[in-house]
């Protein structure tokens, strides 16, 4: 089996390509200046999936800024072959969606970040109507924003990711929903001591983060899908997921029998 190689620098990319001319270069979009456990997991999962079906190639990570997001979603040129994203009907119409949830549904389970001085207010929240009296913040183009608005929640959309944490920390926004698999790492990264997770209360909705592949490379999409299925069947998928996220999931402040899950509808999934 020829190994999948991950290449970031231009020099190493062309060395790999010149030595193995028959291998494909797979241009994978990656958020600019972002490398956390979630990104590392998705990188490794992709490599293992392709290796499991003997698909040889060189993966080139291509940094993409927020301003380039439309180009990313369209995959409408030869510069990008695939990316990963939360699904929506629009995105599934523009590229080949591999409909295997990469985070096993946890991306739709949302912890609520808030200023710790607000914790007492959240103790009174038992249903969606009560939560709707609070203000939330989400990304301007995030599918989550539309989902929350559809369910009657008050959401302020922003384009600046870091500003979402800042406004929540300062109490200008009541809460900032973050997925179970990223909230702990984000708290560590932001180091704002007054930001905490609301205990025993979270929101959830059906959704998934998928790999999306350009329509011009259906053979690549097929290989990724088949590789993920192999990993699911042999247990490697679950093992890799647990290696990255089991610890964080087990430390979330939710007590069995006391935690309220506010379920939202998602008509866009």
C-alpha atoms as a PDB file:
ATOM      1  CA  UNK A   1       0.000   0.000   0.000  1.00  0.00           C
ATOM      2  CA  UNK A   2       1.383   3.402  -0.966  1.00  0.00           C
ATOM      3  CA  UNK A   3       0.969   5.791   1.953  1.00  0.00           C
ATOM      4  CA  UNK A   4      -1.007   8.995   1.947  1.00  0.00           C
ATOM      5  CA  UNK A   5       1.302  11.914   2.618  1.00  0.00           C
ATOM      6  CA  UNK A   6       0.347  15.209   4.198  1.00  0.00           C
ATOM      7  CA  UNK A   7       2.174  18.211   2.832  1.00  0.00           C
ATOM      8  CA  UNK A   8       1.958  21.825   3.887  1.00  0.00           C
ATOM      9  CA  UNK A   9       5.042  23.505   2.475  1.00  0.00           C
ATOM     10  CA  UNK A  10       5.387  24.079  -1.269  1.00  0.00           C
ATOM     11  CA  UNK A  11       8.868  22.501  -1.286  1.00  0.00           C
ATOM     12  CA  UNK A  12       7.818  19.242   0.340  1.00  0.00           C
ATOM     13  CA  UNK A  13       4.754  19.122  -1.861  1.00  0.00           C
ATOM     14  CA  UNK A  14       6.716  19.115  -5.093  1.00  0.00           C
ATOM     15  CA  UNK A  15       9.324  16.700  -3.775  1.00  0.00           C
ATOM     16  CA  UNK A  16       6.578  14.216  -2.973  1.00  0.00           C
ATOM     17  CA  UNK A  17       4.914  14.746  -6.323  1.00  0.00           C
ATOM     18  CA  UNK A  18       8.064  14.405  -8.372  1.00  0.00           C
ATOM     19  CA  UNK A  19       8.992  11.146  -6.664  1.00  0.00           C
ATOM     20  CA  UNK A  20       5.537   9.646  -7.103  1.00  0.00           C
ATOM     21  CA  UNK A  21       4.187  11.104 -10.315  1.00  0.00           C
ATOM     22  CA  UNK A  22       1.222   8.735 -10.386  1.00  0.00           C
ATOM     23  CA  UNK A  23      -0.121   9.958  -7.061  1.00  0.00           C
ATOM     24  CA  UNK A  24      -2.792  12.605  -6.938  1.00  0.00           C
ATOM     25  CA  UNK A  25      -2.394  15.901  -5.155  1.00  0.00           C
ATOM     26  CA  UNK A  26      -5.454  16.426  -2.963  1.00  0.00           C
ATOM     27  CA  UNK A  27      -5.917  20.106  -2.129  1.00  0.00           C
ATOM     28  CA  UNK A  28      -7.724  20.287   1.204  1.00  0.00           C
ATOM     29  CA  UNK A  29      -8.954  23.613   2.559  1.00  0.00           C
ATOM     30  CA  UNK A  30      -8.103  24.463   6.141  1.00  0.00           C
ATOM     31  CA  UNK A  31      -9.068  27.499   8.185  1.00  0.00           C
ATOM     32  CA  UNK A  32      -6.296  30.051   8.227  1.00  0.00           C
ATOM     33  CA  UNK A  33      -4.164  30.190  11.388  1.00  0.00           C
ATOM     34  CA  UNK A  34      -6.160  27.345  12.947  1.00  0.00           C
ATOM     35  CA  UNK A  35      -4.680  24.111  14.241  1.00  0.00           C
ATOM     36  CA  UNK A  36      -6.459  22.576  17.177  1.00  0.00           C
ATOM     37  CA  UNK A  37      -7.542  19.107  18.230  1.00  0.00           C
ATOM     38  CA  UNK A  38     -10.577  19.259  15.972  1.00  0.00           C
ATOM     39  CA  UNK A  39      -8.511  20.105  12.887  1.00  0.00           C
ATOM     40  CA  UNK A  40      -5.856  17.538  13.760  1.00  0.00           C
ATOM     41  CA  UNK A  41      -8.519  14.857  14.171  1.00  0.00           C
ATOM     42  CA  UNK A  42     -10.098  15.661  10.802  1.00  0.00           C
ATOM     43  CA  UNK A  43      -6.689  15.609   9.119  1.00  0.00           C
ATOM     44  CA  UNK A  44      -5.777  12.255  10.626  1.00  0.00           C
ATOM     45  CA  UNK A  45      -9.209  10.773   9.946  1.00  0.00           C
ATOM     46  CA  UNK A  46      -8.933  11.713   6.272  1.00  0.00           C
ATOM     47  CA  UNK A  47      -5.465  10.215   5.944  1.00  0.00           C
ATOM     48  CA  UNK A  48      -6.511   6.959   7.607  1.00  0.00           C
ATOM     49  CA  UNK A  49      -9.698   6.700   5.559  1.00  0.00           C
ATOM     50  CA  UNK A  50      -7.784   6.961   2.290  1.00  0.00           C
ATOM     51  CA  UNK A  51      -5.085   4.578   3.479  1.00  0.00           C
ATOM     52  CA  UNK A  52      -7.711   2.009   4.444  1.00  0.00           C
ATOM     53  CA  UNK A  53      -8.784   1.714   0.786  1.00  0.00           C
ATOM     54  CA  UNK A  54      -5.237   1.908  -0.641  1.00  0.00           C
ATOM     55  CA  UNK A  55      -5.803   5.334  -2.192  1.00  0.00           C
ATOM     56  CA  UNK A  56      -2.401   6.895  -2.829  1.00  0.00           C
ATOM     57  CA  UNK A  57      -1.900  10.621  -2.962  1.00  0.00           C
ATOM     58  CA  UNK A  58      -0.357  13.722  -1.470  1.00  0.00           C
ATOM     59  CA  UNK A  59      -2.622  15.836   0.726  1.00  0.00           C
ATOM     60  CA  UNK A  60      -1.844  19.536   0.543  1.00  0.00           C
ATOM     61  CA  UNK A  61      -3.403  21.700   3.239  1.00  0.00           C
ATOM     62  CA  UNK A  62      -4.427  25.083   1.818  1.00  0.00           C
ATOM     63  CA  UNK A  63      -5.110  27.893   4.332  1.00  0.00           C
ATOM     64  CA  UNK A  64      -8.408  29.673   3.674  1.00  0.00           C
ATOM     65  CA  UNK A  65      -9.432  32.982   5.247  1.00  0.00           C
ATOM     66  CA  UNK A  66     -12.983  34.006   6.125  1.00  0.00           C
ATOM     67  CA  UNK A  67     -12.977  36.316   3.094  1.00  0.00           C
ATOM     68  CA  UNK A  68     -12.395  33.300   0.860  1.00  0.00           C
ATOM     69  CA  UNK A  69     -15.301  31.316   2.283  1.00  0.00           C
ATOM     70  CA  UNK A  70     -17.511  31.556  -0.800  1.00  0.00           C
ATOM     71  CA  UNK A  71     -14.686  30.232  -2.952  1.00  0.00           C
ATOM     72  CA  UNK A  72     -14.220  27.422  -0.445  1.00  0.00           C
ATOM     73  CA  UNK A  73     -17.869  26.401  -0.385  1.00  0.00           C
ATOM     74  CA  UNK A  74     -18.183  26.452  -4.166  1.00  0.00           C
ATOM     75  CA  UNK A  75     -15.027  24.428  -4.868  1.00  0.00           C
ATOM     76  CA  UNK A  76     -15.454  26.039  -8.267  1.00  0.00           C
ATOM     77  CA  UNK A  77     -11.884  25.999  -9.533  1.00  0.00           C
ATOM     78  CA  UNK A  78      -8.899  23.699  -9.660  1.00  0.00           C
ATOM     79  CA  UNK A  79      -7.263  25.091  -6.514  1.00  0.00           C
ATOM     80  CA  UNK A  80      -9.366  23.171  -3.977  1.00  0.00           C
ATOM     81  CA  UNK A  81     -10.597  19.585  -3.976  1.00  0.00           C
ATOM     82  CA  UNK A  82     -12.291  19.215  -0.617  1.00  0.00           C
ATOM     83  CA  UNK A  83     -13.072  20.720   2.756  1.00  0.00           C
ATOM     84  CA  UNK A  84     -15.037  19.858   5.873  1.00  0.00           C
ATOM     85  CA  UNK A  85     -17.982  21.821   7.141  1.00  0.00           C
ATOM     86  CA  UNK A  86     -21.291  21.688   8.926  1.00  0.00           C
ATOM     87  CA  UNK A  87     -23.866  20.588   6.390  1.00  0.00           C
ATOM     88  CA  UNK A  88     -26.642  22.627   4.814  1.00  0.00           C
ATOM     89  CA  UNK A  89     -28.798  22.140   1.700  1.00  0.00           C
ATOM     90  CA  UNK A  90     -26.876  24.899  -0.084  1.00  0.00           C
ATOM     91  CA  UNK A  91     -23.510  23.292   0.584  1.00  0.00           C
ATOM     92  CA  UNK A  92     -24.763  19.865  -0.417  1.00  0.00           C
ATOM     93  CA  UNK A  93     -25.936  21.329  -3.738  1.00  0.00           C
ATOM     94  CA  UNK A  94     -22.527  22.819  -4.498  1.00  0.00           C
ATOM     95  CA  UNK A  95     -20.288  19.841  -3.717  1.00  0.00           C
ATOM     96  CA  UNK A  96     -20.361  16.099  -3.082  1.00  0.00           C
ATOM     97  CA  UNK A  97     -21.271  15.607   0.575  1.00  0.00           C
ATOM     98  CA  UNK A  98     -20.010  12.425   2.217  1.00  0.00           C
ATOM     99  CA  UNK A  99     -22.855  11.923   4.660  1.00  0.00           C
ATOM    100  CA  UNK A 100     -20.989  10.316   7.509  1.00  0.00           C
ATOM    101  CA  UNK A 101     -21.010  12.602  10.597  1.00  0.00           C
ATOM    102  CA  UNK A 102     -17.342  13.102  11.403  1.00  0.00           C
ATOM    103  CA  UNK A 103     -18.063  14.017  15.039  1.00  0.00           C
ATOM    104  CA  UNK A 104     -20.764  11.393  15.585  1.00  0.00           C
ATOM    105  CA  UNK A 105     -23.484  13.993  16.162  1.00  0.00           C
ATOM    106  CA  UNK A 106     -21.688  15.838  18.962  1.00  0.00           C
ATOM    107  CA  UNK A 107     -21.319  18.932  16.786  1.00  0.00           C
ATOM    108  CA  UNK A 108     -25.063  19.459  17.291  1.00  0.00           C
ATOM    109  CA  UNK A 109     -24.829  19.286  21.078  1.00  0.00           C
ATOM    110  CA  UNK A 110     -24.056  22.800  22.280  1.00  0.00           C
ATOM    111  CA  UNK A 111     -22.684  23.838  25.635  1.00  0.00           C
ATOM    112  CA  UNK A 112     -23.501  27.396  26.653  1.00  0.00           C
ATOM    113  CA  UNK A 113     -20.562  29.660  27.426  1.00  0.00           C
ATOM    114  CA  UNK A 114     -21.385  32.651  29.602  1.00  0.00           C
ATOM    115  CA  UNK A 115     -19.909  35.203  31.974  1.00  0.00           C
ATOM    116  CA  UNK A 116     -19.816  33.473  35.357  1.00  0.00           C
ATOM    117  CA  UNK A 117     -21.821  36.341  36.872  1.00  0.00           C
ATOM    118  CA  UNK A 118     -24.762  35.182  34.717  1.00  0.00           C
ATOM    119  CA  UNK A 119     -24.876  31.634  36.072  1.00  0.00           C
ATOM    120  CA  UNK A 120     -27.654  32.330  38.567  1.00  0.00           C
ATOM    121  CA  UNK A 121     -29.909  33.569  35.754  1.00  0.00           C
ATOM    122  CA  UNK A 122     -29.526  30.324  33.820  1.00  0.00           C
ATOM    123  CA  UNK A 123     -30.664  28.240  36.798  1.00  0.00           C
ATOM    124  CA  UNK A 124     -34.204  29.401  36.031  1.00  0.00           C
ATOM    125  CA  UNK A 125     -34.117  28.217  32.404  1.00  0.00           C
ATOM    126  CA  UNK A 126     -36.163  25.048  31.891  1.00  0.00           C
ATOM    127  CA  UNK A 127     -37.406  25.372  28.295  1.00  0.00           C
ATOM    128  CA  UNK A 128     -36.854  27.080  24.963  1.00  0.00           C
ATOM    129  CA  UNK A 129     -39.305  29.895  25.732  1.00  0.00           C
ATOM    130  CA  UNK A 130     -37.272  30.926  28.763  1.00  0.00           C
ATOM    131  CA  UNK A 131     -33.985  30.626  26.867  1.00  0.00           C
ATOM    132  CA  UNK A 132     -35.423  32.878  24.146  1.00  0.00           C
ATOM    133  CA  UNK A 133     -35.307  35.804  26.583  1.00  0.00           C
ATOM    134  CA  UNK A 134     -31.496  35.581  26.591  1.00  0.00           C
ATOM    135  CA  UNK A 135     -29.180  36.866  23.847  1.00  0.00           C
ATOM    136  CA  UNK A 136     -26.788  34.565  21.988  1.00  0.00           C
ATOM    137  CA  UNK A 137     -23.992  35.142  19.501  1.00  0.00           C
ATOM    138  CA  UNK A 138     -23.025  33.028  16.481  1.00  0.00           C
ATOM    139  CA  UNK A 139     -21.095  33.439  13.244  1.00  0.00           C
ATOM    140  CA  UNK A 140     -22.701  35.453  10.473  1.00  0.00           C
ATOM    141  CA  UNK A 141     -22.560  32.635   7.906  1.00  0.00           C
ATOM    142  CA  UNK A 142     -22.848  29.688  10.283  1.00  0.00           C
ATOM    143  CA  UNK A 143     -25.732  27.255   9.718  1.00  0.00           C
ATOM    144  CA  UNK A 144     -26.211  27.337  13.517  1.00  0.00           C
ATOM    145  CA  UNK A 145     -27.330  30.967  13.330  1.00  0.00           C
ATOM    146  CA  UNK A 146     -30.205  30.129  11.040  1.00  0.00           C
ATOM    147  CA  UNK A 147     -31.164  27.061  13.081  1.00  0.00           C
ATOM    148  CA  UNK A 148     -31.350  29.026  16.319  1.00  0.00           C
ATOM    149  CA  UNK A 149     -33.301  31.872  14.715  1.00  0.00           C
ATOM    150  CA  UNK A 150     -35.771  29.406  13.215  1.00  0.00           C
ATOM    151  CA  UNK A 151     -36.473  28.125  16.729  1.00  0.00           C
ATOM    152  CA  UNK A 152     -37.208  31.598  18.038  1.00  0.00           C
ATOM    153  CA  UNK A 153     -33.934  32.190  19.883  1.00  0.00           C
ATOM    154  CA  UNK A 154     -32.426  35.669  19.923  1.00  0.00           C
ATOM    155  CA  UNK A 155     -29.143  35.475  17.997  1.00  0.00           C
ATOM    156  CA  UNK A 156     -26.696  38.234  17.146  1.00  0.00           C
ATOM    157  CA  UNK A 157     -24.598  37.282  14.080  1.00  0.00           C
ATOM    158  CA  UNK A 158     -20.962  38.397  13.941  1.00  0.00           C
ATOM    159  CA  UNK A 159     -18.119  37.902  11.477  1.00  0.00           C
ATOM    160  CA  UNK A 160     -15.289  38.204  14.018  1.00  0.00           C
ATOM    161  CA  UNK A 161     -14.800  34.880  15.817  1.00  0.00           C
ATOM    162  CA  UNK A 162     -12.715  36.286  18.668  1.00  0.00           C
ATOM    163  CA  UNK A 163     -15.215  39.081  19.264  1.00  0.00           C
ATOM    164  CA  UNK A 164     -17.845  36.471  20.125  1.00  0.00           C
ATOM    165  CA  UNK A 165     -15.808  35.367  23.131  1.00  0.00           C
ATOM    166  CA  UNK A 166     -15.021  38.953  24.095  1.00  0.00           C
ATOM    167  CA  UNK A 167     -18.629  40.137  24.031  1.00  0.00           C
ATOM    168  CA  UNK A 168     -19.746  37.108  26.042  1.00  0.00           C
ATOM    169  CA  UNK A 169     -16.930  37.595  28.526  1.00  0.00           C
ATOM    170  CA  UNK A 170     -17.903  41.234  29.038  1.00  0.00           C
ATOM    171  CA  UNK A 171     -21.561  40.380  29.533  1.00  0.00           C
ATOM    172  CA  UNK A 172     -22.686  42.174  26.373  1.00  0.00           C
ATOM    173  CA  UNK A 173     -24.056  38.832  25.157  1.00  0.00           C
ATOM    174  CA  UNK A 174     -25.684  36.322  27.508  1.00  0.00           C
ATOM    175  CA  UNK A 175     -24.320  33.114  26.016  1.00  0.00           C
ATOM    176  CA  UNK A 176     -22.234  31.661  23.203  1.00  0.00           C
ATOM    177  CA  UNK A 177     -23.162  28.084  22.189  1.00  0.00           C
ATOM    178  CA  UNK A 178     -20.158  25.865  21.409  1.00  0.00           C
ATOM    179  CA  UNK A 179     -20.110  22.188  20.516  1.00  0.00           C
ATOM    180  CA  UNK A 180     -19.258  19.575  23.130  1.00  0.00           C
ATOM    181  CA  UNK A 181     -16.091  18.591  21.293  1.00  0.00           C
ATOM    182  CA  UNK A 182     -14.586  22.086  21.108  1.00  0.00           C
ATOM    183  CA  UNK A 183     -15.791  24.065  24.124  1.00  0.00           C
ATOM    184  CA  UNK A 184     -13.103  22.955  26.605  1.00  0.00           C
ATOM    185  CA  UNK A 185     -10.219  23.582  24.218  1.00  0.00           C
ATOM    186  CA  UNK A 186     -11.638  26.994  23.341  1.00  0.00           C
ATOM    187  CA  UNK A 187     -11.832  27.961  26.999  1.00  0.00           C
ATOM    188  CA  UNK A 188      -8.159  27.057  27.377  1.00  0.00           C
ATOM    189  CA  UNK A 189      -7.193  28.979  24.249  1.00  0.00           C
ATOM    190  CA  UNK A 190      -9.087  32.133  25.227  1.00  0.00           C
ATOM    191  CA  UNK A 191      -7.916  32.192  28.843  1.00  0.00           C
ATOM    192  CA  UNK A 192     -10.688  34.534  29.930  1.00  0.00           C
ATOM    193  CA  UNK A 193     -11.245  33.526  33.526  1.00  0.00           C
ATOM    194  CA  UNK A 194     -14.790  34.871  33.723  1.00  0.00           C
ATOM    195  CA  UNK A 195     -16.031  32.588  30.906  1.00  0.00           C
ATOM    196  CA  UNK A 196     -17.618  29.354  32.129  1.00  0.00           C
ATOM    197  CA  UNK A 197     -19.868  26.585  30.841  1.00  0.00           C
ATOM    198  CA  UNK A 198     -23.439  26.752  32.129  1.00  0.00           C
ATOM    199  CA  UNK A 199     -23.851  23.509  34.127  1.00  0.00           C
ATOM    200  CA  UNK A 200     -26.724  21.079  33.569  1.00  0.00           C
ATOM    201  CA  UNK A 201     -28.155  22.944  30.569  1.00  0.00           C
ATOM    202  CA  UNK A 202     -27.428  22.656  26.861  1.00  0.00           C
ATOM    203  CA  UNK A 203     -29.128  22.894  23.486  1.00  0.00           C
ATOM    204  CA  UNK A 204     -29.100  20.289  20.739  1.00  0.00           C
ATOM    205  CA  UNK A 205     -30.200  19.874  17.141  1.00  0.00           C
ATOM    206  CA  UNK A 206     -29.631  17.279  14.431  1.00  0.00           C
ATOM    207  CA  UNK A 207     -26.692  18.214  12.223  1.00  0.00           C
ATOM    208  CA  UNK A 208     -23.331  16.942  11.121  1.00  0.00           C
ATOM    209  CA  UNK A 209     -19.935  17.996   9.878  1.00  0.00           C
ATOM    210  CA  UNK A 210     -19.145  16.221   6.631  1.00  0.00           C
ATOM    211  CA  UNK A 211     -16.296  16.029   4.182  1.00  0.00           C
ATOM    212  CA  UNK A 212     -17.247  17.837   0.972  1.00  0.00           C
ATOM    213  CA  UNK A 213     -15.512  16.980  -2.316  1.00  0.00           C
ATOM    214  CA  UNK A 214     -15.537  18.864  -5.609  1.00  0.00           C
ATOM    215  CA  UNK A 215     -17.993  17.445  -8.127  1.00  0.00           C
ATOM    216  CA  UNK A 216     -15.134  17.078 -10.595  1.00  0.00           C
ATOM    217  CA  UNK A 217     -13.574  14.282  -8.488  1.00  0.00           C
ATOM    218  CA  UNK A 218     -16.272  11.698  -7.733  1.00  0.00           C
ATOM    219  CA  UNK A 219     -13.620   8.985  -7.457  1.00  0.00           C
ATOM    220  CA  UNK A 220     -12.035  10.859  -4.539  1.00  0.00           C
ATOM    221  CA  UNK A 221     -15.421  11.219  -2.836  1.00  0.00           C
ATOM    222  CA  UNK A 222     -16.063   7.503  -3.278  1.00  0.00           C
ATOM    223  CA  UNK A 223     -12.665   6.600  -1.808  1.00  0.00           C
ATOM    224  CA  UNK A 224     -13.165   8.808   1.254  1.00  0.00           C
ATOM    225  CA  UNK A 225     -16.656   7.425   1.874  1.00  0.00           C
ATOM    226  CA  UNK A 226     -15.560   3.809   1.496  1.00  0.00           C
ATOM    227  CA  UNK A 227     -12.573   4.423   3.754  1.00  0.00           C
ATOM    228  CA  UNK A 228     -14.734   5.909   6.498  1.00  0.00           C
ATOM    229  CA  UNK A 229     -17.104   2.950   6.293  1.00  0.00           C
ATOM    230  CA  UNK A 230     -14.181   0.541   6.655  1.00  0.00           C
ATOM    231  CA  UNK A 231     -13.030   2.464   9.734  1.00  0.00           C
ATOM    232  CA  UNK A 232     -16.516   2.366  11.241  1.00  0.00           C
ATOM    233  CA  UNK A 233     -16.773  -1.369  10.720  1.00  0.00           C
ATOM    234  CA  UNK A 234     -13.358  -2.231  12.161  1.00  0.00           C
ATOM    235  CA  UNK A 235     -13.676   0.127  15.154  1.00  0.00           C
ATOM    236  CA  UNK A 236     -10.878   2.466  14.090  1.00  0.00           C
ATOM    237  CA  UNK A 237     -13.270   5.401  13.645  1.00  0.00           C
ATOM    238  CA  UNK A 238     -14.541   5.227  17.237  1.00  0.00           C
ATOM    239  CA  UNK A 239     -11.052   4.617  18.606  1.00  0.00           C
ATOM    240  CA  UNK A 240      -9.644   7.704  16.895  1.00  0.00           C
ATOM    241  CA  UNK A 241     -12.586   9.850  17.984  1.00  0.00           C
ATOM    242  CA  UNK A 242     -12.199   8.735  21.598  1.00  0.00           C
ATOM    243  CA  UNK A 243      -8.459   9.356  21.497  1.00  0.00           C
ATOM    244  CA  UNK A 244      -9.104  13.007  20.698  1.00  0.00           C
ATOM    245  CA  UNK A 245     -12.356  13.796  22.505  1.00  0.00           C
ATOM    246  CA  UNK A 246     -13.355  11.256  25.174  1.00  0.00           C
ATOM    247  CA  UNK A 247     -11.575  13.134  27.971  1.00  0.00           C
ATOM    248  CA  UNK A 248     -13.224  16.464  27.129  1.00  0.00           C
ATOM    249  CA  UNK A 249     -16.658  14.887  26.819  1.00  0.00           C
ATOM    250  CA  UNK A 250     -16.290  13.232  30.219  1.00  0.00           C
ATOM    251  CA  UNK A 251     -15.402  16.523  31.931  1.00  0.00           C
ATOM    252  CA  UNK A 252     -18.442  18.521  30.796  1.00  0.00           C
ATOM    253  CA  UNK A 253     -20.501  19.820  33.776  1.00  0.00           C
ATOM    254  CA  UNK A 254     -23.621  17.755  33.193  1.00  0.00           C
ATOM    255  CA  UNK A 255     -25.030  15.627  36.001  1.00  0.00           C
ATOM    256  CA  UNK A 256     -27.066  12.605  34.987  1.00  0.00           C
ATOM    257  CA  UNK A 257     -30.705  13.074  35.905  1.00  0.00           C
ATOM    258  CA  UNK A 258     -30.313  16.801  36.528  1.00  0.00           C
ATOM    259  CA  UNK A 259     -29.348  18.115  33.112  1.00  0.00           C
ATOM    260  CA  UNK A 260     -31.863  19.877  30.864  1.00  0.00           C
ATOM    261  CA  UNK A 261     -31.486  19.345  27.121  1.00  0.00           C
ATOM    262  CA  UNK A 262     -33.350  21.929  25.041  1.00  0.00           C
ATOM    263  CA  UNK A 263     -33.968  20.324  21.664  1.00  0.00           C
ATOM    264  CA  UNK A 264     -34.200  22.516  18.576  1.00  0.00           C
ATOM    265  CA  UNK A 265     -35.658  21.637  15.191  1.00  0.00           C
ATOM    266  CA  UNK A 266     -33.350  21.821  12.182  1.00  0.00           C
ATOM    267  CA  UNK A 267     -35.285  22.106   8.915  1.00  0.00           C
ATOM    268  CA  UNK A 268     -32.009  22.632   7.037  1.00  0.00           C
ATOM    269  CA  UNK A 269     -30.550  19.162   7.639  1.00  0.00           C
END
